[in-house]
Amino acid sequence: MITESSNLIDLHGSCHCGAVRLTLPSMPDTGIKCNCSLCRRLGGLWAYYPFGAVVISGHPEHTTEYIWGDKTLRTIRCKTCGCATHWEPINGEPGARHGVNLNNFSLSLQEAVNIRYFDGADTWKYIDD
């Protein structure tokens, strides 16, 4: 386990109440802030991994999902505290990826990643280039 006390980053996070716990397979290089209608409401800071690479405990027994739009992914939140923890593809085909909300991890992890801004509301392009 990587710990903050040794100036390294802990790759373990959880929702507010702790019912859903996430362990990242590696330190993310980038966190994505998106302004689409859902992400701006959630306030998510997303990191992407191959589907199944993140260890998630408490899912699905402590989670609920929200499916919207083109119905290709589900946004997952804790049933108890309501924190959005991740999103995943509805059809987990080979090569699929999912997003993990880095707001469920330590501030030191969030501060260590490069944050990019994505215009998911209009152009579907990064707006910080």
Foldseek 3Di string as FASTA:
>chain_A
DFDCVVVTFAQKFAPPVRLKIKGALDQAQEWEQEDAPPSVVLVFTKGKDQPPRMDIPNPPVQWDWDADDPRQKTFIAGPPPGRTAWMFGPDNDPPGMIIGGCVRGDPVSVVNHHYWYAYPHPDRGTPVD
